[in-house]
C-alpha atoms as a PDB file:
ATOM      1  CA  MET A   1      -0.378  -0.058  -0.117  1.00  0.00           C
ATOM      2  CA  LYS A   2       3.261   2.307   0.459  1.00  0.00           C
ATOM      3  CA  GLU A   3       2.951   3.362  -3.346  1.00  0.00           C
ATOM      4  CA  LEU A   4      -0.322   3.604  -2.778  1.00  0.00           C
ATOM      5  CA  ILE A   5      -0.854   5.793  -0.464  1.00  0.00           C
ATOM      6  CA  GLU A   6       2.171   8.127  -1.956  1.00  0.00           C
ATOM      7  CA  PHE A   7       0.409   8.209  -5.242  1.00  0.00           C
ATOM      8  CA  LEU A   8      -2.870   9.938  -3.897  1.00  0.00           C
ATOM      9  CA  ARG A   9      -0.759  12.663  -1.917  1.00  0.00           C
ATOM     10  CA  ALA A  10       0.495  13.589  -4.845  1.00  0.00           C
ATOM     11  CA  VAL A  11      -2.894  13.626  -6.433  1.00  0.00           C
ATOM     12  CA  ASN A  12      -3.615  15.861  -3.587  1.00  0.00           C
ATOM     13  CA  GLU A  13      -1.121  18.207  -4.059  1.00  0.00           C
ATOM     14  CA  ASN A  14      -1.275  18.171  -7.723  1.00  0.00           C
ATOM     15  CA  ASN A  15      -5.326  17.457  -8.786  1.00  0.00           C
ATOM     16  CA  ASN A  16      -4.914  18.167 -12.944  1.00  0.00           C
ATOM     17  CA  ARG A  17      -5.253  16.381 -16.496  1.00  0.00           C
ATOM     18  CA  LEU A  18      -1.571  17.639 -16.925  1.00  0.00           C
ATOM     19  CA  TRP A  19      -0.523  15.581 -14.071  1.00  0.00           C
ATOM     20  CA  PHE A  20      -2.084  12.851 -13.997  1.00  0.00           C
ATOM     21  CA  GLU A  21      -1.719  12.226 -17.650  1.00  0.00           C
ATOM     22  CA  GLU A  22       1.985  12.025 -16.558  1.00  0.00           C
ATOM     23  CA  HIS A  23       1.502   9.759 -14.392  1.00  0.00           C
ATOM     24  CA  ARG A  24      -1.131   7.544 -16.198  1.00  0.00           C
ATOM     25  CA  ALA A  25       0.697   4.405 -16.190  1.00  0.00           C
ATOM     26  CA  GLU A  26       1.554   4.683 -12.751  1.00  0.00           C
ATOM     27  CA  PHE A  27      -1.764   5.068 -11.590  1.00  0.00           C
ATOM     28  CA  LYS A  28      -2.545   1.964 -13.525  1.00  0.00           C
ATOM     29  CA  VAL A  29       0.613  -0.457 -11.056  1.00  0.00           C
ATOM     30  CA  ILE A  30      -1.228   0.874  -8.789  1.00  0.00           C
ATOM     31  CA  ASN A  31      -4.599   0.650  -9.451  1.00  0.00           C
ATOM     32  CA  ASP A  32      -4.115  -2.609 -10.519  1.00  0.00           C
ATOM     33  CA  ASP A  33      -2.594  -3.770  -7.082  1.00  0.00           C
ATOM     34  CA  PHE A  34      -5.374  -2.528  -5.419  1.00  0.00           C
ATOM     35  CA  ASN A  35      -7.764  -4.299  -7.232  1.00  0.00           C
ATOM     36  CA  ARG A  36      -5.655  -7.860  -6.691  1.00  0.00           C
ATOM     37  CA  PHE A  37      -5.442  -6.811  -2.481  1.00  0.00           C
ATOM     38  CA  VAL A  38      -9.802  -6.114  -3.164  1.00  0.00           C
ATOM     39  CA  ASP A  39     -10.141  -9.480  -4.998  1.00  0.00           C
ATOM     40  CA  GLN A  40      -8.100 -11.406  -2.160  1.00  0.00           C
ATOM     41  CA  LEU A  41     -10.394  -9.591   0.769  1.00  0.00           C
ATOM     42  CA  ILE A  42     -13.187 -10.598  -0.772  1.00  0.00           C
ATOM     43  CA  ALA A  43     -12.387 -13.733  -0.781  1.00  0.00           C
ATOM     44  CA  GLY A  44     -11.515 -14.127   2.682  1.00  0.00           C
ATOM     45  CA  ILE A  45     -14.910 -12.376   3.590  1.00  0.00           C
ATOM     46  CA  ALA A  46     -16.113 -14.860   1.956  1.00  0.00           C
ATOM     47  CA  GLU A  47     -14.700 -17.704   4.107  1.00  0.00           C
ATOM     48  CA  PHE A  48     -16.800 -16.094   7.166  1.00  0.00           C
ATOM     49  CA  ASP A  49     -19.681 -14.348   5.433  1.00  0.00           C
ATOM     50  CA  PRO A  50     -20.367 -16.397   2.409  1.00  0.00           C
ATOM     51  CA  SER A  51     -23.126 -13.921   1.505  1.00  0.00           C
ATOM     52  CA  VAL A  52     -20.157 -12.064  -0.416  1.00  0.00           C
ATOM     53  CA  SER A  53     -18.552 -15.102  -2.151  1.00  0.00           C
ATOM     54  CA  GLY A  54     -18.774 -14.932  -5.996  1.00  0.00           C
ATOM     55  CA  LEU A  55     -17.762 -11.193  -6.293  1.00  0.00           C
ATOM     56  CA  THR A  56     -14.799  -9.601  -7.894  1.00  0.00           C
ATOM     57  CA  ALA A  57     -13.131  -6.057  -7.051  1.00  0.00           C
ATOM     58  CA  LYS A  58     -14.801  -4.777 -10.250  1.00  0.00           C
ATOM     59  CA  ASP A  59     -18.496  -5.573  -8.334  1.00  0.00           C
ATOM     60  CA  CYS A  60     -16.927  -3.460  -5.066  1.00  0.00           C
ATOM     61  CA  THR A  61     -14.748  -0.677  -6.027  1.00  0.00           C
ATOM     62  CA  TYR A  62     -15.139   2.554  -7.930  1.00  0.00           C
ATOM     63  CA  ARG A  63     -14.392   5.468 -10.448  1.00  0.00           C
ATOM     64  CA  PHE A  64     -11.286   7.198  -9.133  1.00  0.00           C
ATOM     65  CA  TYR A  65     -12.569  10.457 -12.122  1.00  0.00           C
ATOM     66  CA  ARG A  66     -14.896  12.308 -10.032  1.00  0.00           C
ATOM     67  CA  ASP A  67     -18.047  13.551 -11.661  1.00  0.00           C
ATOM     68  CA  THR A  68     -17.432  16.882 -11.474  1.00  0.00           C
ATOM     69  CA  ARG A  69     -20.908  18.615 -12.677  1.00  0.00           C
ATOM     70  CA  PHE A  70     -23.172  19.197 -10.357  1.00  0.00           C
ATOM     71  CA  SER A  71     -20.251  19.903  -7.475  1.00  0.00           C
ATOM     72  CA  PRO A  72     -18.586  23.440  -6.359  1.00  0.00           C
ATOM     73  CA  ASN A  73     -15.007  21.026  -6.579  1.00  0.00           C
ATOM     74  CA  LYS A  74     -13.677  21.048  -9.504  1.00  0.00           C
ATOM     75  CA  MET A  75     -11.338  18.595  -8.922  1.00  0.00           C
ATOM     76  CA  PRO A  76     -11.265  15.768 -11.576  1.00  0.00           C
ATOM     77  CA  TYR A  77      -9.304  12.810  -9.108  1.00  0.00           C
ATOM     78  CA  LYS A  78     -10.248  11.757  -5.887  1.00  0.00           C
ATOM     79  CA  THR A  79      -7.532  11.442  -3.373  1.00  0.00           C
ATOM     80  CA  HIS A  80      -8.886   8.365  -1.642  1.00  0.00           C
ATOM     81  CA  MET A  81      -9.523   5.243  -2.726  1.00  0.00           C
ATOM     82  CA  GLY A  82     -11.776   2.178  -1.652  1.00  0.00           C
ATOM     83  CA  ALA A  83     -14.126  -0.665  -1.851  1.00  0.00           C
ATOM     84  CA  TYR A  84     -17.403  -1.680  -0.781  1.00  0.00           C
ATOM     85  CA  ILE A  85     -17.845  -5.993  -0.039  1.00  0.00           C
ATOM     86  CA  CYS A  86     -21.583  -6.590   0.644  1.00  0.00           C
ATOM     87  CA  PRO A  87     -23.651  -9.130  -0.892  1.00  0.00           C
ATOM     88  CA  LYS A  88     -24.193  -8.523  -5.229  1.00  0.00           C
ATOM     89  CA  GLY A  89     -22.168  -5.509  -5.047  1.00  0.00           C
ATOM     90  CA  LYS A  90     -21.514  -2.044  -4.180  1.00  0.00           C
ATOM     91  CA  LYS A  91     -24.556  -1.103  -6.128  1.00  0.00           C
ATOM     92  CA  ALA A  92     -26.834  -3.117  -3.675  1.00  0.00           C
ATOM     93  CA  PRO A  93     -28.235  -1.816  -0.438  1.00  0.00           C
ATOM     94  CA  TYR A  94     -27.565  -4.106   1.587  1.00  0.00           C
ATOM     95  CA  ALA A  95     -24.617  -4.001   4.814  1.00  0.00           C
ATOM     96  CA  GLY A  96     -21.211  -4.588   3.694  1.00  0.00           C
ATOM     97  CA  TYR A  97     -17.761  -4.384   4.673  1.00  0.00           C
ATOM     98  CA  TYR A  98     -15.507  -0.615   3.071  1.00  0.00           C
ATOM     99  CA  PHE A  99     -12.254  -0.491   3.143  1.00  0.00           C
ATOM    100  CA  HIS A 100     -10.853   3.250   2.671  1.00  0.00           C
ATOM    101  CA  VAL A 101      -7.688   4.234   1.961  1.00  0.00           C
ATOM    102  CA  GLU A 102      -6.315   8.311   2.362  1.00  0.00           C
ATOM    103  CA  PRO A 103      -3.345  10.036   3.501  1.00  0.00           C
ATOM    104  CA  LYS A 104      -4.940  12.215   6.571  1.00  0.00           C
ATOM    105  CA  GLY A 105      -4.910  15.728   5.240  1.00  0.00           C
ATOM    106  CA  ASN A 106      -6.599  14.291   1.884  1.00  0.00           C
ATOM    107  CA  GLY A 107      -9.667  15.854   3.067  1.00  0.00           C
ATOM    108  CA  PHE A 108     -12.653  12.938   2.626  1.00  0.00           C
ATOM    109  CA  LEU A 109     -12.601  10.893   5.452  1.00  0.00           C
ATOM    110  CA  ASP A 110      -9.127  12.494   6.424  1.00  0.00           C
ATOM    111  CA  GLY A 111      -7.510   9.309   7.172  1.00  0.00           C
ATOM    112  CA  HIS A 112      -7.514   5.525   6.706  1.00  0.00           C
ATOM    113  CA  GLN A 113     -10.493   3.386   8.037  1.00  0.00           C
ATOM    114  CA  LEU A 114     -12.328   0.024   8.000  1.00  0.00           C
ATOM    115  CA  ASP A 115     -15.452   0.671   8.220  1.00  0.00           C
ATOM    116  CA  SER A 116     -18.959  -2.104   8.224  1.00  0.00           C
ATOM    117  CA  GLY A 117     -22.362  -1.509   8.012  1.00  0.00           C
ATOM    118  CA  LEU A 118     -24.849   0.792   5.593  1.00  0.00           C
ATOM    119  CA  TYR A 119     -24.203   4.773   4.520  1.00  0.00           C
ATOM    120  CA  CYS A 120     -27.693   6.951   3.911  1.00  0.00           C
ATOM    121  CA  PRO A 121     -30.055   3.948   3.568  1.00  0.00           C
ATOM    122  CA  GLU A 122     -32.958   4.066   1.860  1.00  0.00           C
ATOM    123  CA  PRO A 123     -36.027   5.408   3.901  1.00  0.00           C
ATOM    124  CA  ALA A 124     -37.600   1.749   3.620  1.00  0.00           C
ATOM    125  CA  ILE A 125     -34.891   0.330   4.849  1.00  0.00           C
ATOM    126  CA  LEU A 126     -33.837   2.847   7.458  1.00  0.00           C
ATOM    127  CA  LYS A 127     -37.065   2.287   9.128  1.00  0.00           C
ATOM    128  CA  SER A 128     -36.864  -1.625   8.803  1.00  0.00           C
ATOM    129  CA  ILE A 129     -33.726  -1.385  10.997  1.00  0.00           C
ATOM    130  CA  ARG A 130     -34.972   0.920  13.421  1.00  0.00           C
ATOM    131  CA  GLU A 131     -38.393  -0.996  14.073  1.00  0.00           C
ATOM    132  CA  GLU A 132     -35.593  -4.250  14.370  1.00  0.00           C
ATOM    133  CA  ILE A 133     -34.138  -2.572  17.233  1.00  0.00           C
ATOM    134  CA  SER A 134     -37.455  -1.212  18.541  1.00  0.00           C
ATOM    135  CA  LEU A 135     -38.567  -5.152  18.500  1.00  0.00           C
ATOM    136  CA  ASN A 136     -35.068  -6.802  19.384  1.00  0.00           C
ATOM    137  CA  GLY A 137     -32.386  -4.329  19.748  1.00  0.00           C
ATOM    138  CA  ASP A 138     -30.375  -6.787  22.422  1.00  0.00           C
ATOM    139  CA  PRO A 139     -28.645  -8.653  19.161  1.00  0.00           C
ATOM    140  CA  PHE A 140     -28.050  -5.144  17.857  1.00  0.00           C
ATOM    141  CA  HIS A 141     -26.577  -3.956  21.041  1.00  0.00           C
ATOM    142  CA  ALA A 142     -24.303  -6.890  21.167  1.00  0.00           C
ATOM    143  CA  ALA A 143     -23.719  -7.194  18.056  1.00  0.00           C
ATOM    144  CA  VAL A 144     -22.028  -3.847  18.609  1.00  0.00           C
ATOM    145  CA  VAL A 145     -19.851  -4.648  21.421  1.00  0.00           C
ATOM    146  CA  ALA A 146     -18.852  -7.868  20.201  1.00  0.00           C
ATOM    147  CA  ALA A 147     -17.046  -5.786  17.568  1.00  0.00           C
ATOM    148  CA  THR A 148     -14.102  -4.854  19.534  1.00  0.00           C
ATOM    149  CA  GLY A 149     -11.926  -2.167  18.093  1.00  0.00           C
ATOM    150  CA  PHE A 150     -14.289  -0.237  16.402  1.00  0.00           C
ATOM    151  CA  VAL A 151     -16.586   2.541  17.193  1.00  0.00           C
ATOM    152  CA  LEU A 152     -20.715   3.467  16.060  1.00  0.00           C
ATOM    153  CA  GLU A 153     -20.202   6.653  14.460  1.00  0.00           C
ATOM    154  CA  ASP A 154     -22.831   8.744  12.602  1.00  0.00           C
ATOM    155  CA  ASP A 155     -22.054  12.328  12.097  1.00  0.00           C
ATOM    156  CA  GLN A 156     -25.648  12.758  11.353  1.00  0.00           C
ATOM    157  CA  GLN A 157     -27.568  11.279  13.813  1.00  0.00           C
ATOM    158  CA  LEU A 158     -30.825  12.431  14.441  1.00  0.00           C
ATOM    159  CA  LYS A 159     -31.095  14.691  18.425  1.00  0.00           C
ATOM    160  CA  LYS A 160     -34.724  13.066  18.778  1.00  0.00           C
ATOM    161  CA  VAL A 161     -35.779   9.702  18.789  1.00  0.00           C
ATOM    162  CA  PRO A 162     -38.077   9.490  15.041  1.00  0.00           C
ATOM    163  CA  ARG A 163     -41.265   9.897  15.236  1.00  0.00           C
ATOM    164  CA  GLY A 164     -43.368   6.310  15.683  1.00  0.00           C
ATOM    165  CA  PHE A 165     -40.948   5.448  18.474  1.00  0.00           C
ATOM    166  CA  PRO A 166     -40.574   5.121  22.043  1.00  0.00           C
ATOM    167  CA  ALA A 167     -38.785   8.488  23.239  1.00  0.00           C
ATOM    168  CA  ASP A 168     -37.603   6.269  26.374  1.00  0.00           C
ATOM    169  CA  HIS A 169     -36.851   3.237  24.338  1.00  0.00           C
ATOM    170  CA  LYS A 170     -33.753   1.188  26.266  1.00  0.00           C
ATOM    171  CA  TYR A 171     -31.963   1.963  22.941  1.00  0.00           C
ATOM    172  CA  ALA A 172     -32.795   5.402  21.729  1.00  0.00           C
ATOM    173  CA  ASP A 173     -29.202   6.410  20.707  1.00  0.00           C
ATOM    174  CA  TYR A 174     -29.637   3.442  18.580  1.00  0.00           C
ATOM    175  CA  LEU A 175     -33.054   4.561  16.881  1.00  0.00           C
ATOM    176  CA  LYS A 176     -31.658   8.162  16.127  1.00  0.00           C
ATOM    177  CA  LEU A 177     -29.095   6.548  14.016  1.00  0.00           C
ATOM    178  CA  LYS A 178     -29.301   7.704  10.694  1.00  0.00           C
ATOM    179  CA  ASN A 179     -25.909   5.659   9.623  1.00  0.00           C
ATOM    180  CA  PRO A 180     -25.551   2.116  11.474  1.00  0.00           C
ATOM    181  CA  CYS A 181     -22.129   1.864  11.145  1.00  0.00           C
ATOM    182  CA  LEU A 182     -19.267   0.299  12.348  1.00  0.00           C
ATOM    183  CA  CYS A 183     -15.810   2.327  11.918  1.00  0.00           C
ATOM    184  CA  LYS A 184     -12.264   1.457  12.984  1.00  0.00           C
ATOM    185  CA  HIS A 185      -9.328   4.423  11.896  1.00  0.00           C
ATOM    186  CA  LEU A 186      -6.298   2.654  10.951  1.00  0.00           C
ATOM    187  CA  ASP A 187      -2.913   4.348  11.209  1.00  0.00           C
ATOM    188  CA  GLU A 188      -0.021   4.106   8.687  1.00  0.00           C
ATOM    189  CA  ALA A 189       1.204   1.275  10.151  1.00  0.00           C
ATOM    190  CA  PHE A 190      -1.134  -0.740   9.667  1.00  0.00           C
ATOM    191  CA  LEU A 191      -1.955  -0.689   6.027  1.00  0.00           C
ATOM    192  CA  LEU A 192       2.058  -0.549   5.798  1.00  0.00           C
ATOM    193  CA  SER A 193       1.599  -3.915   7.636  1.00  0.00           C
ATOM    194  CA  PRO A 194       3.119  -7.356   5.914  1.00  0.00           C
ATOM    195  CA  ASN A 195       0.289  -9.019   7.595  1.00  0.00           C
ATOM    196  CA  LEU A 196      -2.643  -5.817   6.027  1.00  0.00           C
ATOM    197  CA  LEU A 197      -4.688  -8.607   4.459  1.00  0.00           C
ATOM    198  CA  GLU A 198      -5.082 -10.860   7.721  1.00  0.00           C
ATOM    199  CA  ASN A 199      -5.105  -8.084  10.603  1.00  0.00           C
ATOM    200  CA  THR A 200      -8.139  -6.396   7.846  1.00  0.00           C
ATOM    201  CA  LEU A 201      -9.870  -9.376   8.451  1.00  0.00           C
ATOM    202  CA  ASP A 202      -9.120 -10.149  11.694  1.00  0.00           C
ATOM    203  CA  ALA A 203     -10.955  -6.823  12.646  1.00  0.00           C
ATOM    204  CA  TYR A 204     -13.756  -7.594   9.789  1.00  0.00           C
ATOM    205  CA  ARG A 205     -14.935 -11.124  11.264  1.00  0.00           C
ATOM    206  CA  LYS A 206     -15.583  -9.461  14.884  1.00  0.00           C
ATOM    207  CA  THR A 207     -18.420  -7.850  12.451  1.00  0.00           C
ATOM    208  CA  VAL A 208     -19.936 -10.206  11.124  1.00  0.00           C
ATOM    209  CA  PRO A 209     -23.036 -10.163  13.727  1.00  0.00           C
ATOM    210  CA  PHE A 210     -23.378  -6.312  13.309  1.00  0.00           C
ATOM    211  CA  ILE A 211     -23.670  -7.211   9.613  1.00  0.00           C
ATOM    212  CA  THR A 212     -25.874 -10.001   9.685  1.00  0.00           C
ATOM    213  CA  VAL A 213     -28.782  -8.420  12.056  1.00  0.00           C
ATOM    214  CA  LEU A 214     -28.578  -4.755   9.574  1.00  0.00           C
ATOM    215  CA  ASN A 215     -29.412  -7.548   6.645  1.00  0.00           C
ATOM    216  CA  GLN A 216     -31.852  -9.557   8.151  1.00  0.00           C
ATOM    217  CA  ALA A 217     -33.931  -5.899   8.577  1.00  0.00           C
ATOM    218  CA  VAL A 218     -32.950  -5.315   4.868  1.00  0.00           C
ATOM    219  CA  GLU A 219     -34.174  -8.529   3.800  1.00  0.00           C
ATOM    220  CA  TYR A 220     -37.683  -7.618   5.210  1.00  0.00           C
ATOM    221  CA  ALA A 221     -37.596  -4.531   3.993  1.00  0.00           C
ATOM    222  CA  ILE A 222     -37.127  -5.921  -0.085  1.00  0.00           C
ATOM    223  CA  GLU A 223     -39.872  -7.996   0.838  1.00  0.00           C
ATOM    224  CA  ASN A 224     -42.511  -6.218   1.796  1.00  0.00           C
ATOM    225  CA  ASP A 225     -41.275  -3.100  -0.720  1.00  0.00           C
END
């Protein structure tokens, strides 16, 4: 990952098409290496979460080129790379595992991290998750506790329990979540470790119960759509 991190730093300082064209060959090598890692990551996760079996890096990675048409930020390239591994691939509504590489100071998430869960779920799915927590919150709480090394983060969390749910609920704070997602912030040493793949899989393995609870609610929402 060293070459990727250095390349992302360089892009952050030279985010223009002329510089990128001069370094396109370097990007291709780095991108191919990243995709190979993602393929290994998918295979490893599939051993403890078979719902992602059969996916490839193409199903889980994103374009490096930004869509600037409706954005005030006209920088043409991203300054991070990531992969979202979930059942049926990144465009599916399911909870999954997100691997994010971004040097501090690059301005998107401001750092490398591992995530497990959902970001910006559809309203019907979010409602289903809240109903699951309201009716059967203990497994959700146990899954959060079991994910040692992760924290439940949501900078968009509601200030009050949403309408239709009891304000004094045992798990009121969970009902306020808009983005039920566990996050593990990483230092650079984690990404540069020769055991990166094994360490990442060990971390994600702890979040399987959380993913399972969320995807049960997702399935219920899809079946009752």
